[in-house]
């Protein structure tokens, strides 16, 4: 990604943004080294509730592979490496954004595991519900409605 051009397909090591499914990342991690996930600074997990219904172990495996120490330099400028990456605490500086339609225990556990040095924030939208709009209100007969009868 530069001012002049944007390349939609590039090597992982030369990418600024990676858009991938957990299954695609797991497949790539099994084929080669996981070094390309070592410098992830922002992670967006959209549709966590849907991924929970499919295979949550892939999501957990990808998050465990994030910010691991790389085995090779891969032509990177070592002067640009931040100190907390060398200290092994890069995961504590990574920003994690997890979007889900409903709260669930597995997502909460993942967020606790990935908490950063600045803490975490949870935003939950409250809903009045729609069941009263779906089920018609039935009127009770007078004999059932009054306990005197």
Protein backbone atom coordinates (compact mmCIF):
# COMPACT_ATOMS: atom_id res chain seq x y z
CA UNK A 1 0.00 0.00 0.00
CA UNK A 2 1.60 3.23 -1.18
CA UNK A 3 0.41 6.66 -2.26
CA UNK A 4 0.55 5.69 -5.91
CA UNK A 5 -0.81 2.17 -5.89
CA UNK A 6 -2.52 -0.56 -3.95
CA UNK A 7 -1.78 -4.22 -4.59
CA UNK A 8 -4.59 -6.56 -3.60
CA UNK A 9 -2.45 -9.69 -3.66
CA UNK A 10 1.03 -9.68 -2.17
CA UNK A 11 3.28 -11.90 -0.12
CA UNK A 12 2.38 -11.98 3.56
CA UNK A 13 5.75 -10.51 4.48
CA UNK A 14 5.19 -7.50 2.20
CA UNK A 15 1.55 -6.85 3.20
CA UNK A 16 0.26 -3.96 5.26
CA UNK A 17 -3.21 -5.47 5.65
CA UNK A 18 -4.13 -9.16 5.75
CA UNK A 19 -7.77 -10.13 5.20
CA UNK A 20 -8.19 -13.85 5.81
CA UNK A 21 -10.37 -16.43 7.46
CA UNK A 22 -9.07 -18.44 10.42
CA UNK A 23 -9.16 -21.61 8.30
CA UNK A 24 -7.10 -19.93 5.56
CA UNK A 25 -4.54 -18.73 8.10
CA UNK A 26 -4.33 -22.16 9.75
CA UNK A 27 -3.74 -23.76 6.34
CA UNK A 28 -0.97 -21.27 5.59
CA UNK A 29 0.54 -21.75 9.06
CA UNK A 30 0.73 -25.51 8.51
CA UNK A 31 2.36 -25.07 5.10
CA UNK A 32 5.09 -22.66 6.15
CA UNK A 33 6.49 -20.65 9.00
CA UNK A 34 4.21 -18.42 11.08
CA UNK A 35 6.61 -15.50 10.96
CA UNK A 36 4.25 -13.30 8.97
CA UNK A 37 1.96 -13.06 12.02
CA UNK A 38 4.78 -11.79 14.25
CA UNK A 39 4.21 -8.09 13.60
CA UNK A 40 0.42 -7.85 13.77
CA UNK A 41 -0.56 -4.64 15.56
CA UNK A 42 -4.35 -4.60 15.09
CA UNK A 43 -6.60 -7.66 14.90
CA UNK A 44 -10.24 -7.45 13.84
CA UNK A 45 -12.36 -10.55 14.39
CA UNK A 46 -15.72 -9.85 12.76
CA UNK A 47 -18.56 -12.31 13.23
CA UNK A 48 -17.09 -14.11 16.23
CA UNK A 49 -20.49 -15.66 16.99
CA UNK A 50 -20.58 -17.26 13.52
CA UNK A 51 -17.00 -18.53 13.87
CA UNK A 52 -17.94 -19.94 17.26
CA UNK A 53 -20.58 -22.09 15.56
CA UNK A 54 -18.11 -23.32 12.93
CA UNK A 55 -14.72 -24.16 14.44
CA UNK A 56 -13.54 -22.02 17.34
CA UNK A 57 -10.27 -23.96 17.66
CA UNK A 58 -9.02 -22.34 14.43
CA UNK A 59 -9.59 -18.89 15.93
CA UNK A 60 -7.77 -19.86 19.12
CA UNK A 61 -4.85 -21.31 17.15
CA UNK A 62 -4.49 -18.13 15.07
CA UNK A 63 -4.51 -15.92 18.18
CA UNK A 64 -1.87 -18.17 19.79
CA UNK A 65 0.31 -17.75 16.68
CA UNK A 66 0.13 -13.95 16.72
CA UNK A 67 3.22 -11.98 17.79
CA UNK A 68 5.55 -14.96 18.12
CA UNK A 69 9.26 -14.25 17.75
CA UNK A 70 10.25 -14.63 14.07
CA UNK A 71 12.84 -17.19 13.14
CA UNK A 72 14.35 -15.20 10.25
CA UNK A 73 14.59 -11.51 9.36
CA UNK A 74 12.83 -11.83 5.95
CA UNK A 75 14.61 -8.74 4.58
CA UNK A 76 13.14 -6.44 7.23
CA UNK A 77 14.81 -3.27 8.44
CA UNK A 78 15.85 -4.17 11.97
CA UNK A 79 16.15 -0.49 12.91
CA UNK A 80 12.35 -0.20 12.66
CA UNK A 81 11.69 -3.05 15.11
CA UNK A 82 10.13 -1.75 18.29
CA UNK A 83 11.65 -2.65 21.64
CA UNK A 84 8.59 -4.46 22.96
CA UNK A 85 8.76 -6.87 19.99
CA UNK A 86 12.26 -7.86 21.01
CA UNK A 87 11.18 -8.18 24.66
CA UNK A 88 8.47 -10.66 23.68
CA UNK A 89 5.66 -8.44 24.92
CA UNK A 90 4.24 -7.43 21.53
CA UNK A 91 0.96 -9.23 22.26
CA UNK A 92 0.32 -6.83 25.14
CA UNK A 93 0.54 -3.88 22.73
CA UNK A 94 -1.69 -5.44 20.05
CA UNK A 95 -5.18 -3.98 19.67
CA UNK A 96 -7.89 -6.63 19.43
CA UNK A 97 -11.36 -5.81 18.15
CA UNK A 98 -13.89 -8.63 18.42
CA UNK A 99 -17.40 -8.16 17.03
CA UNK A 100 -20.18 -10.56 17.95
CA UNK A 101 -23.98 -10.50 17.77
CA UNK A 102 -24.31 -11.81 21.30
CA UNK A 103 -22.05 -12.21 24.34
CA UNK A 104 -20.57 -15.66 24.87
CA UNK A 105 -18.12 -17.28 27.25
CA UNK A 106 -15.58 -18.28 24.59
CA UNK A 107 -15.24 -14.73 23.25
CA UNK A 108 -14.84 -13.37 26.79
CA UNK A 109 -12.11 -15.96 27.47
CA UNK A 110 -10.30 -14.98 24.27
CA UNK A 111 -10.45 -11.31 25.20
CA UNK A 112 -9.12 -12.02 28.71
CA UNK A 113 -6.26 -14.00 27.20
CA UNK A 114 -5.43 -11.17 24.77
CA UNK A 115 -5.75 -8.24 27.15
CA UNK A 116 -3.31 -5.45 26.42
CA UNK A 117 -1.32 -3.14 28.66
CA UNK A 118 -4.10 -0.52 28.44
CA UNK A 119 -6.89 -2.85 29.53
CA UNK A 120 -10.05 -3.59 27.61
CA UNK A 121 -13.43 -2.08 26.91
CA UNK A 122 -16.66 -3.92 26.26
CA UNK A 123 -19.58 -2.27 24.49
CA UNK A 124 -22.88 -4.09 24.63
CA UNK A 125 -26.02 -2.85 22.96
CA UNK A 126 -29.20 -3.34 24.96
CA UNK A 127 -32.30 -4.54 23.17
CA UNK A 128 -35.90 -4.42 24.34
CA UNK A 129 -36.64 -7.60 22.42
CA UNK A 130 -39.20 -8.36 19.76
CA UNK A 131 -41.11 -11.31 21.21
CA UNK A 132 -44.04 -9.10 22.17
CA UNK A 133 -44.30 -8.02 18.55
CA UNK A 134 -44.31 -11.59 17.21
CA UNK A 135 -46.73 -13.30 19.62
CA UNK A 136 -50.22 -11.78 19.46
CA UNK A 137 -51.65 -10.78 22.80
CA UNK A 138 -54.45 -13.21 23.62
CA UNK A 139 -57.28 -12.01 25.78
CA UNK A 140 -58.24 -14.34 28.59
CA UNK A 141 -61.86 -15.32 29.13
CA UNK A 142 -63.53 -13.52 32.02
CA UNK A 143 -63.78 -16.72 34.10
CA UNK A 144 -60.03 -17.28 33.93
CA UNK A 145 -59.14 -13.63 34.34
CA UNK A 146 -60.93 -13.08 37.65
CA UNK A 147 -60.16 -15.38 40.58
CA UNK A 148 -63.64 -14.82 42.06
CA UNK A 149 -65.46 -16.89 39.46
